[in-house]
Amino acid sequence: MNEAAKIDRNLNQREKQRIRTRAKILDVALTTFAAKGFEGATLRDIAAEADVNHALIKYHFNSKDNLWKEAVRFLFERMEEELAVDAKEEARLSELERLKNAIRRYVRYCARHPEHARIMVQESIRDGKRLDWAVEKFIGPQHADARPAFLRHKRKGLWPEVQDISITYILVAASQMIFVLAPEIRRLYGVDTLSDEVVDAHAEAIIELFFNHKVEDN
């Protein structure tokens, strides 16, 4: 291997390591912000948990506020990736079955990442600029993108005849809270809500509650 190729390979390795380190910091930041809140979390806490030098976080993200924003950006990008579907497979299903599968995917996502709900609940309670930023950048566009399909489903009678905001947040809360409150449930019932068996059963319970009166559409 010539020197130019060696340099190129070393640069690629360094870039891959930089990307891995950044992703690890963001993942740890999400867990820490979810557990301690923005005010309670410190860059030193996050550095220690991620096993990196505190200065490295400052180098990558500059400030705690910017780290929070980048972590939340990472969170929503990961959500979009994990909820993506195979369009060809979905096209073979009825609209009702596609909707049920969307709920299954969302419930499994909530189980894998309970920090998502914890962070958003914290910021909604605080009702400040970080929530404004998240709503403008991610939550608002996400809801707007989902709106046409939601209205189509409602016209077809797939959703109950109640106000739209109630359907949306009943579904969101039902999908998230069993995992957000996993420690409480474990103490009360001795059940690990994050186990695959419980997660899948919970998704089916939500589907049963919403759609047990529905028949397959043509």
N, C-alpha and C. Protein backbone atom coordinates (compact mmCIF):
# COMPACT_ATOMS: atom_id res chain seq x y z
N MET A 1 0.85 -1.20 0.00
CA MET A 1 0.00 0.00 0.00
C MET A 1 0.88 1.25 0.00
N ASN A 2 0.63 2.18 -0.94
CA ASN A 2 1.46 3.38 -0.98
C ASN A 2 1.08 4.36 0.13
N GLU A 3 1.91 5.38 0.30
CA GLU A 3 1.71 6.33 1.40
C GLU A 3 0.39 7.09 1.28
N ALA A 4 0.03 7.46 0.05
CA ALA A 4 -1.23 8.19 -0.15
C ALA A 4 -2.41 7.33 0.28
N ALA A 5 -2.38 6.05 -0.07
CA ALA A 5 -3.47 5.14 0.31
C ALA A 5 -3.52 4.97 1.82
N LYS A 6 -2.35 4.88 2.46
CA LYS A 6 -2.30 4.75 3.92
C LYS A 6 -2.91 5.97 4.60
N ILE A 7 -2.55 7.14 4.10
CA ILE A 7 -3.08 8.38 4.67
C ILE A 7 -4.60 8.42 4.51
N ASP A 8 -5.06 8.04 3.29
CA ASP A 8 -6.50 8.03 3.03
C ASP A 8 -7.22 7.07 3.97
N ARG A 9 -6.65 5.88 4.16
CA ARG A 9 -7.26 4.90 5.05
C ARG A 9 -7.30 5.41 6.48
N ASN A 10 -6.20 6.02 6.92
CA ASN A 10 -6.14 6.55 8.29
C ASN A 10 -7.15 7.67 8.49
N LEU A 11 -7.31 8.50 7.45
CA LEU A 11 -8.31 9.58 7.54
C LEU A 11 -9.70 8.99 7.65
N ASN A 12 -9.99 7.96 6.86
CA ASN A 12 -11.30 7.32 6.92
C ASN A 12 -11.55 6.70 8.28
N GLN A 13 -10.52 6.07 8.84
CA GLN A 13 -10.66 5.46 10.16
C GLN A 13 -10.92 6.52 11.22
N ARG A 14 -10.19 7.64 11.10
CA ARG A 14 -10.40 8.72 12.07
C ARG A 14 -11.80 9.31 11.96
N GLU A 15 -12.29 9.44 10.72
CA GLU A 15 -13.63 9.97 10.52
C GLU A 15 -14.68 9.02 11.08
N LYS A 16 -14.49 7.72 10.85
CA LYS A 16 -15.42 6.73 11.41
C LYS A 16 -15.40 6.79 12.93
N GLN A 17 -14.22 6.92 13.51
CA GLN A 17 -14.11 7.01 14.96
C GLN A 17 -14.79 8.27 15.48
N ARG A 18 -14.61 9.38 14.74
CA ARG A 18 -15.25 10.64 15.15
C ARG A 18 -16.77 10.49 15.14
N ILE A 19 -17.29 9.84 14.10
CA ILE A 19 -18.75 9.65 13.99
C ILE A 19 -19.26 8.75 15.12
N ARG A 20 -18.50 7.67 15.39
CA ARG A 20 -18.91 6.76 16.48
C ARG A 20 -18.89 7.47 17.83
N THR A 21 -17.85 8.26 18.07
CA THR A 21 -17.74 8.98 19.35
C THR A 21 -18.86 9.98 19.50
N ARG A 22 -19.16 10.70 18.43
CA ARG A 22 -20.23 11.69 18.48
C ARG A 22 -21.58 11.02 18.75
N ALA A 23 -21.84 9.89 18.08
CA ALA A 23 -23.09 9.17 18.29
C ALA A 23 -23.20 8.65 19.71
N LYS A 24 -22.09 8.17 20.27
CA LYS A 24 -22.10 7.68 21.64
C LYS A 24 -22.40 8.80 22.62
N ILE A 25 -21.80 9.97 22.40
CA ILE A 25 -22.06 11.12 23.27
C ILE A 25 -23.53 11.51 23.20
N LEU A 26 -24.09 11.55 21.99
CA LEU A 26 -25.50 11.92 21.84
C LEU A 26 -26.42 10.92 22.51
N ASP A 27 -26.12 9.64 22.38
CA ASP A 27 -26.94 8.60 23.01
C ASP A 27 -26.91 8.74 24.53
N VAL A 28 -25.71 8.94 25.09
CA VAL A 28 -25.58 9.13 26.53
C VAL A 28 -26.26 10.42 26.97
N ALA A 29 -26.12 11.47 26.17
CA ALA A 29 -26.76 12.75 26.50
C ALA A 29 -28.27 12.58 26.61
N LEU A 30 -28.87 11.85 25.68
CA LEU A 30 -30.32 11.62 25.73
C LEU A 30 -30.72 10.93 27.03
N THR A 31 -29.99 9.89 27.40
CA THR A 31 -30.30 9.15 28.62
C THR A 31 -30.14 10.04 29.84
N THR A 32 -29.08 10.85 29.85
CA THR A 32 -28.81 11.72 31.00
C THR A 32 -29.84 12.84 31.10
N PHE A 33 -30.16 13.49 30.00
CA PHE A 33 -31.18 14.54 30.02
C PHE A 33 -32.53 13.96 30.43
N ALA A 34 -32.84 12.74 29.98
CA ALA A 34 -34.10 12.11 30.34
C ALA A 34 -34.17 11.82 31.84
N ALA A 35 -33.04 11.41 32.42
CA ALA A 35 -33.02 11.04 33.83
C ALA A 35 -32.94 12.25 34.76
N LYS A 36 -32.17 13.27 34.36
CA LYS A 36 -31.88 14.39 35.27
C LYS A 36 -32.49 15.72 34.84
N GLY A 37 -33.06 15.77 33.64
CA GLY A 37 -33.54 17.04 33.13
C GLY A 37 -32.39 17.88 32.62
N PHE A 38 -32.73 18.94 31.88
CA PHE A 38 -31.68 19.79 31.32
C PHE A 38 -30.86 20.44 32.43
N GLU A 39 -31.54 20.98 33.43
CA GLU A 39 -30.83 21.69 34.49
C GLU A 39 -29.98 20.75 35.33
N GLY A 40 -30.47 19.54 35.57
CA GLY A 40 -29.74 18.61 36.44
C GLY A 40 -28.56 17.94 35.77
N ALA A 41 -28.59 17.82 34.46
CA ALA A 41 -27.50 17.17 33.74
C ALA A 41 -26.32 18.12 33.59
N THR A 42 -25.12 17.58 33.61
CA THR A 42 -23.92 18.38 33.37
C THR A 42 -23.10 17.73 32.27
N LEU A 43 -22.29 18.54 31.62
CA LEU A 43 -21.42 18.00 30.58
C LEU A 43 -20.43 17.00 31.16
N ARG A 44 -20.02 17.23 32.40
CA ARG A 44 -19.09 16.29 33.04
C ARG A 44 -19.76 14.94 33.31
N ASP A 45 -21.03 14.97 33.72
CA ASP A 45 -21.80 13.72 33.89
C ASP A 45 -21.82 12.93 32.58
N ILE A 46 -22.13 13.64 31.51
CA ILE A 46 -22.27 13.00 30.20
C ILE A 46 -20.93 12.47 29.72
N ALA A 47 -19.87 13.26 29.92
CA ALA A 47 -18.53 12.83 29.52
C ALA A 47 -18.12 11.57 30.27
N ALA A 48 -18.37 11.55 31.57
CA ALA A 48 -18.00 10.39 32.38
C ALA A 48 -18.75 9.15 31.94
N GLU A 49 -20.04 9.28 31.69
CA GLU A 49 -20.85 8.13 31.29
C GLU A 49 -20.46 7.64 29.89
N ALA A 50 -20.10 8.58 29.02
CA ALA A 50 -19.70 8.22 27.65
C ALA A 50 -18.24 7.78 27.58
N ASP A 51 -17.53 7.93 28.70
CA ASP A 51 -16.11 7.56 28.78
C ASP A 51 -15.27 8.36 27.78
N VAL A 52 -15.52 9.66 27.75
CA VAL A 52 -14.73 10.56 26.91
C VAL A 52 -14.28 11.74 27.76
N ASN A 53 -13.29 12.44 27.27
CA ASN A 53 -12.81 13.64 27.96
C ASN A 53 -13.84 14.75 27.87
N HIS A 54 -14.00 15.47 28.99
CA HIS A 54 -14.96 16.58 29.02
C HIS A 54 -14.69 17.57 27.91
N ALA A 55 -13.42 17.82 27.61
CA ALA A 55 -13.06 18.79 26.57
C ALA A 55 -13.54 18.33 25.20
N LEU A 56 -13.67 17.01 25.00
CA LEU A 56 -14.11 16.49 23.71
C LEU A 56 -15.57 16.87 23.45
N ILE A 57 -16.38 16.87 24.49
CA ILE A 57 -17.77 17.30 24.33
C ILE A 57 -17.83 18.78 23.97
N LYS A 58 -17.00 19.58 24.64
CA LYS A 58 -16.95 21.01 24.32
C LYS A 58 -16.50 21.21 22.86
N TYR A 59 -15.57 20.37 22.43
CA TYR A 59 -15.06 20.47 21.06
C TYR A 59 -16.16 20.16 20.05
N HIS A 60 -16.90 19.08 20.30
CA HIS A 60 -17.94 18.65 19.35
C HIS A 60 -19.19 19.53 19.41
N PHE A 61 -19.56 19.99 20.62
CA PHE A 61 -20.89 20.60 20.78
C PHE A 61 -20.88 22.01 21.37
N ASN A 62 -19.77 22.44 21.87
CA ASN A 62 -19.58 23.83 22.33
C ASN A 62 -20.28 24.14 23.66
N SER A 63 -21.57 23.81 23.80
CA SER A 63 -22.30 24.17 25.01
C SER A 63 -23.34 23.10 25.34
N LYS A 64 -23.84 23.15 26.57
CA LYS A 64 -24.87 22.18 26.96
C LYS A 64 -26.16 22.41 26.16
N ASP A 65 -26.50 23.65 25.91
CA ASP A 65 -27.70 23.94 25.14
C ASP A 65 -27.59 23.35 23.73
N ASN A 66 -26.43 23.52 23.10
CA ASN A 66 -26.25 22.98 21.76
C ASN A 66 -26.21 21.45 21.77
N LEU A 67 -25.62 20.87 22.82
CA LEU A 67 -25.62 19.41 22.94
C LEU A 67 -27.05 18.90 23.06
N TRP A 68 -27.88 19.57 23.86
CA TRP A 68 -29.29 19.17 23.99
C TRP A 68 -29.98 19.20 22.63
N LYS A 69 -29.79 20.27 21.88
CA LYS A 69 -30.43 20.38 20.57
C LYS A 69 -29.96 19.29 19.62
N GLU A 70 -28.66 19.04 19.62
CA GLU A 70 -28.14 18.00 18.72
C GLU A 70 -28.61 16.61 19.15
N ALA A 71 -28.74 16.39 20.46
CA ALA A 71 -29.24 15.11 20.96
C ALA A 71 -30.70 14.92 20.55
N VAL A 72 -31.50 15.96 20.65
CA VAL A 72 -32.91 15.86 20.26
C VAL A 72 -33.04 15.70 18.75
N ARG A 73 -32.18 16.38 17.99
CA ARG A 73 -32.16 16.18 16.53
C ARG A 73 -31.85 14.71 16.21
N PHE A 74 -30.85 14.18 16.88
CA PHE A 74 -30.47 12.77 16.73
C PHE A 74 -31.65 11.86 17.08
N LEU A 75 -32.37 12.21 18.14
CA LEU A 75 -33.52 11.44 18.59
C LEU A 75 -34.60 11.36 17.51
N PHE A 76 -34.96 12.50 16.93
CA PHE A 76 -36.03 12.51 15.94
C PHE A 76 -35.58 11.89 14.62
N GLU A 77 -34.32 12.07 14.26
CA GLU A 77 -33.82 11.42 13.04
C GLU A 77 -33.81 9.91 13.20
N ARG A 78 -33.42 9.45 14.38
CA ARG A 78 -33.45 8.02 14.66
C ARG A 78 -34.87 7.49 14.65
N MET A 79 -35.81 8.27 15.18
CA MET A 79 -37.21 7.86 15.17
C MET A 79 -37.72 7.68 13.74
N GLU A 80 -37.41 8.65 12.89
CA GLU A 80 -37.85 8.57 11.50
C GLU A 80 -37.28 7.32 10.82
N GLU A 81 -36.02 7.05 11.10
CA GLU A 81 -35.36 5.89 10.51
C GLU A 81 -35.98 4.58 10.99
N GLU A 82 -36.25 4.50 12.29
CA GLU A 82 -36.77 3.26 12.87
C GLU A 82 -38.24 3.02 12.53
N LEU A 83 -38.97 4.06 12.21
CA LEU A 83 -40.39 3.91 11.87
C LEU A 83 -40.62 3.78 10.37
N ALA A 84 -39.54 3.82 9.60
CA ALA A 84 -39.67 3.70 8.14
C ALA A 84 -40.25 2.34 7.76
N VAL A 85 -40.95 2.32 6.63
CA VAL A 85 -41.62 1.09 6.20
C VAL A 85 -41.12 0.67 4.82
N ASP A 86 -41.34 -0.59 4.51
CA ASP A 86 -41.11 -1.12 3.17
C ASP A 86 -42.37 -0.86 2.36
N ALA A 87 -42.31 0.11 1.45
CA ALA A 87 -43.51 0.53 0.72
C ALA A 87 -44.15 -0.62 -0.06
N LYS A 88 -43.33 -1.50 -0.63
CA LYS A 88 -43.87 -2.61 -1.41
C LYS A 88 -44.64 -3.58 -0.52
N GLU A 89 -44.08 -3.85 0.65
CA GLU A 89 -44.76 -4.75 1.59
C GLU A 89 -46.07 -4.13 2.07
N GLU A 90 -46.02 -2.85 2.42
CA GLU A 90 -47.21 -2.17 2.92
C GLU A 90 -48.31 -2.10 1.87
N ALA A 91 -47.93 -1.97 0.60
CA ALA A 91 -48.92 -1.83 -0.48
C ALA A 91 -49.79 -3.07 -0.61
N ARG A 92 -49.32 -4.20 -0.10
CA ARG A 92 -50.09 -5.44 -0.19
C ARG A 92 -51.17 -5.54 0.90
N LEU A 93 -51.14 -4.63 1.85
CA LEU A 93 -52.04 -4.71 3.00
C LEU A 93 -53.22 -3.76 2.84
N SER A 94 -54.28 -4.04 3.55
CA SER A 94 -55.41 -3.11 3.62
C SER A 94 -55.00 -1.89 4.42
N GLU A 95 -55.76 -0.81 4.28
CA GLU A 95 -55.45 0.42 5.01
C GLU A 95 -55.53 0.18 6.51
N LEU A 96 -56.47 -0.61 6.95
CA LEU A 96 -56.60 -0.90 8.38
C LEU A 96 -55.37 -1.66 8.88
N GLU A 97 -54.89 -2.62 8.12
CA GLU A 97 -53.72 -3.38 8.55
C GLU A 97 -52.46 -2.52 8.54
N ARG A 98 -52.38 -1.59 7.58
CA ARG A 98 -51.23 -0.67 7.57
C ARG A 98 -51.25 0.21 8.81
N LEU A 99 -52.45 0.65 9.20
CA LEU A 99 -52.58 1.48 10.39
C LEU A 99 -52.19 0.69 11.65
N LYS A 100 -52.65 -0.55 11.74
CA LYS A 100 -52.28 -1.40 12.87
C LYS A 100 -50.77 -1.61 12.94
N ASN A 101 -50.15 -1.83 11.79
CA ASN A 101 -48.70 -2.02 11.76
C ASN A 101 -47.95 -0.77 12.19
N ALA A 102 -48.50 0.40 11.82
CA ALA A 102 -47.88 1.65 12.25
C ALA A 102 -47.89 1.77 13.77
N ILE A 103 -49.00 1.36 14.39
CA ILE A 103 -49.08 1.38 15.85
C ILE A 103 -48.09 0.40 16.45
N ARG A 104 -47.97 -0.78 15.88
CA ARG A 104 -47.00 -1.76 16.38
C ARG A 104 -45.58 -1.19 16.32
N ARG A 105 -45.24 -0.56 15.20
CA ARG A 105 -43.89 0.01 15.06
C ARG A 105 -43.67 1.11 16.09
N TYR A 106 -44.69 1.95 16.29
CA TYR A 106 -44.53 3.07 17.23
C TYR A 106 -44.39 2.56 18.66
N VAL A 107 -45.17 1.58 19.04
CA VAL A 107 -45.07 1.02 20.39
C VAL A 107 -43.68 0.43 20.62
N ARG A 108 -43.18 -0.30 19.63
CA ARG A 108 -41.84 -0.89 19.77
C ARG A 108 -40.77 0.19 19.86
N TYR A 109 -40.95 1.26 19.10
CA TYR A 109 -40.02 2.39 19.20
C TYR A 109 -40.05 2.99 20.61
N CYS A 110 -41.24 3.21 21.14
CA CYS A 110 -41.37 3.78 22.49
C CYS A 110 -40.72 2.89 23.54
N ALA A 111 -40.79 1.58 23.36
CA ALA A 111 -40.17 0.65 24.29
C ALA A 111 -38.65 0.72 24.20
N ARG A 112 -38.13 0.84 22.98
CA ARG A 112 -36.67 0.92 22.81
C ARG A 112 -36.11 2.23 23.34
N HIS A 113 -36.92 3.30 23.26
CA HIS A 113 -36.40 4.63 23.58
C HIS A 113 -37.34 5.40 24.52
N PRO A 114 -37.53 4.94 25.75
CA PRO A 114 -38.40 5.68 26.67
C PRO A 114 -37.88 7.07 26.99
N GLU A 115 -36.59 7.30 26.73
CA GLU A 115 -36.02 8.64 26.97
C GLU A 115 -36.69 9.69 26.08
N HIS A 116 -37.22 9.29 24.94
CA HIS A 116 -37.89 10.24 24.06
C HIS A 116 -39.07 10.91 24.78
N ALA A 117 -39.95 10.09 25.33
CA ALA A 117 -41.12 10.63 26.03
C ALA A 117 -40.69 11.41 27.28
N ARG A 118 -39.73 10.89 28.01
CA ARG A 118 -39.30 11.56 29.25
C ARG A 118 -38.79 12.96 28.96
N ILE A 119 -37.96 13.10 27.93
CA ILE A 119 -37.42 14.42 27.60
C ILE A 119 -38.53 15.37 27.16
N MET A 120 -39.43 14.90 26.30
CA MET A 120 -40.48 15.77 25.80
C MET A 120 -41.48 16.17 26.89
N VAL A 121 -41.78 15.24 27.80
CA VAL A 121 -42.66 15.58 28.93
C VAL A 121 -42.01 16.64 29.81
N GLN A 122 -40.73 16.46 30.11
CA GLN A 122 -40.01 17.44 30.92
C GLN A 122 -40.06 18.83 30.28
N GLU A 123 -39.79 18.88 28.99
CA GLU A 123 -39.76 20.19 28.33
C GLU A 123 -41.14 20.80 28.20
N SER A 124 -42.16 19.97 28.04
CA SER A 124 -43.52 20.49 27.99
C SER A 124 -43.93 21.08 29.34
N ILE A 125 -43.51 20.41 30.42
CA ILE A 125 -43.80 20.93 31.76
C ILE A 125 -43.11 22.28 31.97
N ARG A 126 -41.87 22.40 31.50
CA ARG A 126 -41.13 23.65 31.67
C ARG A 126 -41.64 24.74 30.73
N ASP A 127 -42.16 24.34 29.56
CA ASP A 127 -42.83 25.26 28.64
C ASP A 127 -41.94 26.45 28.28
N GLY A 128 -40.76 26.16 27.74
CA GLY A 128 -39.82 27.22 27.43
C GLY A 128 -39.29 27.17 26.01
N LYS A 129 -38.13 27.78 25.82
CA LYS A 129 -37.55 27.93 24.48
C LYS A 129 -37.11 26.60 23.87
N ARG A 130 -36.69 25.67 24.70
CA ARG A 130 -36.29 24.37 24.13
C ARG A 130 -37.50 23.65 23.53
N LEU A 131 -38.64 23.73 24.21
CA LEU A 131 -39.86 23.14 23.65
C LEU A 131 -40.26 23.85 22.36
N ASP A 132 -40.18 25.20 22.36
CA ASP A 132 -40.48 25.95 21.14
C ASP A 132 -39.63 25.44 19.97
N TRP A 133 -38.35 25.23 20.24
CA TRP A 133 -37.41 24.78 19.20
C TRP A 133 -37.79 23.38 18.71
N ALA A 134 -38.08 22.47 19.63
CA ALA A 134 -38.43 21.09 19.24
C ALA A 134 -39.74 21.04 18.46
N VAL A 135 -40.71 21.84 18.87
CA VAL A 135 -41.99 21.89 18.16
C VAL A 135 -41.80 22.45 16.75
N GLU A 136 -41.04 23.52 16.64
CA GLU A 136 -40.82 24.14 15.33
C GLU A 136 -40.05 23.21 14.38
N LYS A 137 -39.00 22.58 14.91
CA LYS A 137 -38.11 21.80 14.05
C LYS A 137 -38.64 20.39 13.75
N PHE A 138 -39.29 19.76 14.71
CA PHE A 138 -39.60 18.34 14.56
C PHE A 138 -41.06 17.98 14.83
N ILE A 139 -41.59 18.35 15.99
CA ILE A 139 -42.91 17.86 16.38
C ILE A 139 -44.00 18.44 15.48
N GLY A 140 -43.94 19.74 15.21
CA GLY A 140 -44.93 20.36 14.34
C GLY A 140 -44.94 19.76 12.94
N PRO A 141 -43.77 19.71 12.27
CA PRO A 141 -43.73 19.08 10.94
C PRO A 141 -44.18 17.62 10.95
N GLN A 142 -43.83 16.90 12.00
CA GLN A 142 -44.21 15.49 12.11
C GLN A 142 -45.74 15.36 12.14
N HIS A 143 -46.39 16.17 12.96
CA HIS A 143 -47.85 16.14 13.05
C HIS A 143 -48.49 16.58 11.72
N ALA A 144 -47.91 17.60 11.10
CA ALA A 144 -48.45 18.08 9.82
C ALA A 144 -48.35 17.01 8.74
N ASP A 145 -47.23 16.28 8.72
CA ASP A 145 -47.05 15.22 7.72
C ASP A 145 -48.04 14.08 7.92
N ALA A 146 -48.37 13.80 9.20
CA ALA A 146 -49.27 12.69 9.50
C ALA A 146 -50.74 13.06 9.31
N ARG A 147 -51.03 14.34 9.23
CA ARG A 147 -52.43 14.81 9.22
C ARG A 147 -53.24 14.27 8.05
N PRO A 148 -52.75 14.31 6.81
CA PRO A 148 -53.59 13.82 5.70
C PRO A 148 -53.99 12.36 5.87
N ALA A 149 -53.07 11.51 6.27
CA ALA A 149 -53.41 10.09 6.47
C ALA A 149 -54.41 9.93 7.60
N PHE A 150 -54.23 10.72 8.67
CA PHE A 150 -55.15 10.65 9.80
C PHE A 150 -56.57 11.01 9.36
N LEU A 151 -56.71 12.09 8.59
CA LEU A 151 -58.03 12.52 8.13
C LEU A 151 -58.64 11.48 7.19
N ARG A 152 -57.80 10.88 6.35
CA ARG A 152 -58.31 9.84 5.46
C ARG A 152 -58.83 8.65 6.25
N HIS A 153 -58.07 8.25 7.27
CA HIS A 153 -58.51 7.13 8.12
C HIS A 153 -59.82 7.47 8.84
N LYS A 154 -59.93 8.72 9.25
CA LYS A 154 -61.15 9.10 9.97
C LYS A 154 -62.35 9.10 9.03
N ARG A 155 -62.17 9.59 7.82
CA ARG A 155 -63.27 9.58 6.84
C ARG A 155 -63.72 8.15 6.55
N LYS A 156 -62.79 7.22 6.59
CA LYS A 156 -63.12 5.82 6.33
C LYS A 156 -63.69 5.11 7.55
N GLY A 157 -63.77 5.85 8.67
CA GLY A 157 -64.35 5.28 9.88
C GLY A 157 -63.41 4.38 10.66
N LEU A 158 -62.12 4.50 10.41
CA LEU A 158 -61.17 3.65 11.14
C LEU A 158 -60.91 4.16 12.56
N TRP A 159 -61.04 5.47 12.76
CA TRP A 159 -60.88 6.03 14.10
C TRP A 159 -62.25 6.29 14.73
N PRO A 160 -62.33 6.28 16.07
CA PRO A 160 -63.60 6.59 16.75
C PRO A 160 -64.04 8.03 16.46
N GLU A 161 -65.32 8.28 16.62
CA GLU A 161 -65.87 9.61 16.39
C GLU A 161 -65.71 10.48 17.63
N VAL A 162 -64.49 10.85 17.92
CA VAL A 162 -64.19 11.79 19.01
C VAL A 162 -63.23 12.83 18.45
N GLN A 163 -62.95 13.89 19.21
CA GLN A 163 -62.11 14.96 18.68
C GLN A 163 -60.70 14.45 18.34
N ASP A 164 -60.15 15.03 17.30
CA ASP A 164 -58.88 14.53 16.75
C ASP A 164 -57.74 14.59 17.77
N ILE A 165 -57.68 15.67 18.51
CA ILE A 165 -56.57 15.82 19.46
C ILE A 165 -56.63 14.74 20.55
N SER A 166 -57.85 14.33 20.90
CA SER A 166 -57.99 13.26 21.90
C SER A 166 -57.45 11.95 21.35
N ILE A 167 -57.81 11.62 20.11
CA ILE A 167 -57.30 10.39 19.50
C ILE A 167 -55.78 10.41 19.49
N THR A 168 -55.21 11.53 19.04
CA THR A 168 -53.76 11.64 18.91
C THR A 168 -53.06 11.40 20.24
N TYR A 169 -53.50 12.10 21.27
CA TYR A 169 -52.76 12.04 22.54
C TYR A 169 -53.14 10.85 23.40
N ILE A 170 -54.32 10.29 23.19
CA ILE A 170 -54.63 9.00 23.84
C ILE A 170 -53.70 7.93 23.28
N LEU A 171 -53.53 7.94 21.96
CA LEU A 171 -52.64 6.95 21.33
C LEU A 171 -51.19 7.16 21.75
N VAL A 172 -50.73 8.41 21.77
CA VAL A 172 -49.36 8.71 22.18
C VAL A 172 -49.11 8.27 23.62
N ALA A 173 -50.02 8.65 24.52
CA ALA A 173 -49.84 8.30 25.93
C ALA A 173 -49.92 6.80 26.15
N ALA A 174 -50.86 6.15 25.49
CA ALA A 174 -51.00 4.70 25.64
C ALA A 174 -49.75 3.99 25.16
N SER A 175 -49.14 4.50 24.10
CA SER A 175 -47.94 3.86 23.53
C SER A 175 -46.71 4.09 24.39
N GLN A 176 -46.63 5.25 25.05
CA GLN A 176 -45.40 5.64 25.76
C GLN A 176 -45.37 5.30 27.24
N MET A 177 -46.48 5.53 27.94
CA MET A 177 -46.41 5.60 29.40
C MET A 177 -46.05 4.29 30.08
N ILE A 178 -46.44 3.16 29.52
CA ILE A 178 -46.11 1.89 30.14
C ILE A 178 -44.59 1.69 30.20
N PHE A 179 -43.87 2.31 29.27
CA PHE A 179 -42.41 2.19 29.24
C PHE A 179 -41.75 3.30 30.04
N VAL A 180 -42.32 4.49 30.02
CA VAL A 180 -41.81 5.58 30.85
C VAL A 180 -41.91 5.21 32.33
N LEU A 181 -43.01 4.53 32.70
CA LEU A 181 -43.25 4.15 34.09
C LEU A 181 -42.80 2.72 34.39
N ALA A 182 -41.87 2.21 33.59
CA ALA A 182 -41.41 0.83 33.77
C ALA A 182 -40.93 0.52 35.19
N PRO A 183 -40.16 1.42 35.85
CA PRO A 183 -39.73 1.11 37.22
C PRO A 183 -40.90 0.96 38.20
N GLU A 184 -41.92 1.81 38.05
CA GLU A 184 -43.11 1.71 38.92
C GLU A 184 -43.84 0.38 38.68
N ILE A 185 -44.02 0.03 37.42
CA ILE A 185 -44.72 -1.21 37.09
C ILE A 185 -43.95 -2.43 37.59
N ARG A 186 -42.63 -2.37 37.48
CA ARG A 186 -41.81 -3.49 37.97
C ARG A 186 -41.99 -3.67 39.47
N ARG A 187 -42.06 -2.57 40.22
CA ARG A 187 -42.25 -2.66 41.67
C ARG A 187 -43.65 -3.15 42.04
N LEU A 188 -44.64 -2.69 41.28
CA LEU A 188 -46.03 -3.06 41.60
C LEU A 188 -46.37 -4.48 41.18
N TYR A 189 -45.92 -4.86 39.97
CA TYR A 189 -46.39 -6.12 39.39
C TYR A 189 -45.29 -7.13 39.10
N GLY A 190 -44.04 -6.72 39.31
CA GLY A 190 -42.93 -7.62 39.01
C GLY A 190 -42.82 -7.95 37.54
N VAL A 191 -43.24 -7.03 36.68
CA VAL A 191 -43.25 -7.25 35.24
C VAL A 191 -42.23 -6.34 34.58
N ASP A 192 -41.45 -6.90 33.67
CA ASP A 192 -40.53 -6.10 32.87
C ASP A 192 -41.26 -5.65 31.61
N THR A 193 -41.69 -4.41 31.59
CA THR A 193 -42.48 -3.93 30.46
C THR A 193 -41.65 -3.79 29.19
N LEU A 194 -40.32 -3.86 29.31
CA LEU A 194 -39.46 -3.72 28.14
C LEU A 194 -39.15 -5.06 27.47
N SER A 195 -39.67 -6.15 28.03
CA SER A 195 -39.45 -7.45 27.40
C SER A 195 -40.25 -7.52 26.09
N ASP A 196 -39.74 -8.26 25.12
CA ASP A 196 -40.40 -8.36 23.82
C ASP A 196 -41.84 -8.84 23.96
N GLU A 197 -42.05 -9.80 24.84
CA GLU A 197 -43.39 -10.37 25.01
C GLU A 197 -44.39 -9.31 25.49
N VAL A 198 -43.98 -8.52 26.49
CA VAL A 198 -44.88 -7.50 27.04
C VAL A 198 -45.08 -6.37 26.02
N VAL A 199 -44.02 -5.99 25.33
CA VAL A 199 -44.13 -4.92 24.33
C VAL A 199 -45.12 -5.31 23.24
N ASP A 200 -44.98 -6.50 22.70
CA ASP A 200 -45.89 -6.94 21.63
C ASP A 200 -47.33 -7.07 22.14
N ALA A 201 -47.49 -7.58 23.35
CA ALA A 201 -48.84 -7.71 23.92
C ALA A 201 -49.46 -6.34 24.14
N HIS A 202 -48.65 -5.36 24.53
CA HIS A 202 -49.17 -4.01 24.74
C HIS A 202 -49.62 -3.39 23.43
N ALA A 203 -48.85 -3.59 22.37
CA ALA A 203 -49.25 -3.08 21.05
C ALA A 203 -50.59 -3.68 20.63
N GLU A 204 -50.75 -4.98 20.84
CA GLU A 204 -52.00 -5.63 20.46
C GLU A 204 -53.17 -5.15 21.33
N ALA A 205 -52.89 -4.82 22.60
CA ALA A 205 -53.94 -4.30 23.47
C ALA A 205 -54.45 -2.96 22.97
N ILE A 206 -53.52 -2.09 22.54
CA ILE A 206 -53.93 -0.79 22.00
C ILE A 206 -54.76 -0.97 20.74
N ILE A 207 -54.31 -1.86 19.88
CA ILE A 207 -55.05 -2.14 18.64
C ILE A 207 -56.44 -2.67 18.94
N GLU A 208 -56.54 -3.55 19.92
CA GLU A 208 -57.84 -4.10 20.32
C GLU A 208 -58.76 -3.00 20.83
N LEU A 209 -58.23 -2.10 21.63
CA LEU A 209 -59.05 -1.03 22.19
C LEU A 209 -59.55 -0.07 21.11
N PHE A 210 -58.71 0.22 20.13
CA PHE A 210 -59.11 1.16 19.08
C PHE A 210 -59.94 0.51 17.98
N PHE A 211 -59.62 -0.74 17.64
CA PHE A 211 -60.14 -1.29 16.39
C PHE A 211 -60.91 -2.60 16.54
N ASN A 212 -61.25 -3.00 17.75
CA ASN A 212 -61.92 -4.31 17.92
C ASN A 212 -63.27 -4.35 17.23
N HIS A 213 -63.85 -3.18 16.92
CA HIS A 213 -65.16 -3.14 16.28
C HIS A 213 -65.05 -2.98 14.76
N LYS A 214 -63.78 -2.94 14.26
CA LYS A 214 -63.61 -2.68 12.84
C LYS A 214 -63.52 -3.97 12.05
N VAL A 215 -63.92 -3.90 10.79
CA VAL A 215 -63.74 -5.03 9.87
C VAL A 215 -62.72 -4.60 8.82
N GLU A 216 -62.14 -5.57 8.15
CA GLU A 216 -61.15 -5.27 7.12
C GLU A 216 -61.79 -4.46 6.00
N ASP A 217 -61.06 -3.42 5.53
CA ASP A 217 -61.56 -2.68 4.37
C ASP A 217 -61.11 -3.40 3.10
N ASN A 218 -61.74 -3.05 1.99
CA ASN A 218 -61.43 -3.73 0.72
C ASN A 218 -60.29 -3.03 0.01
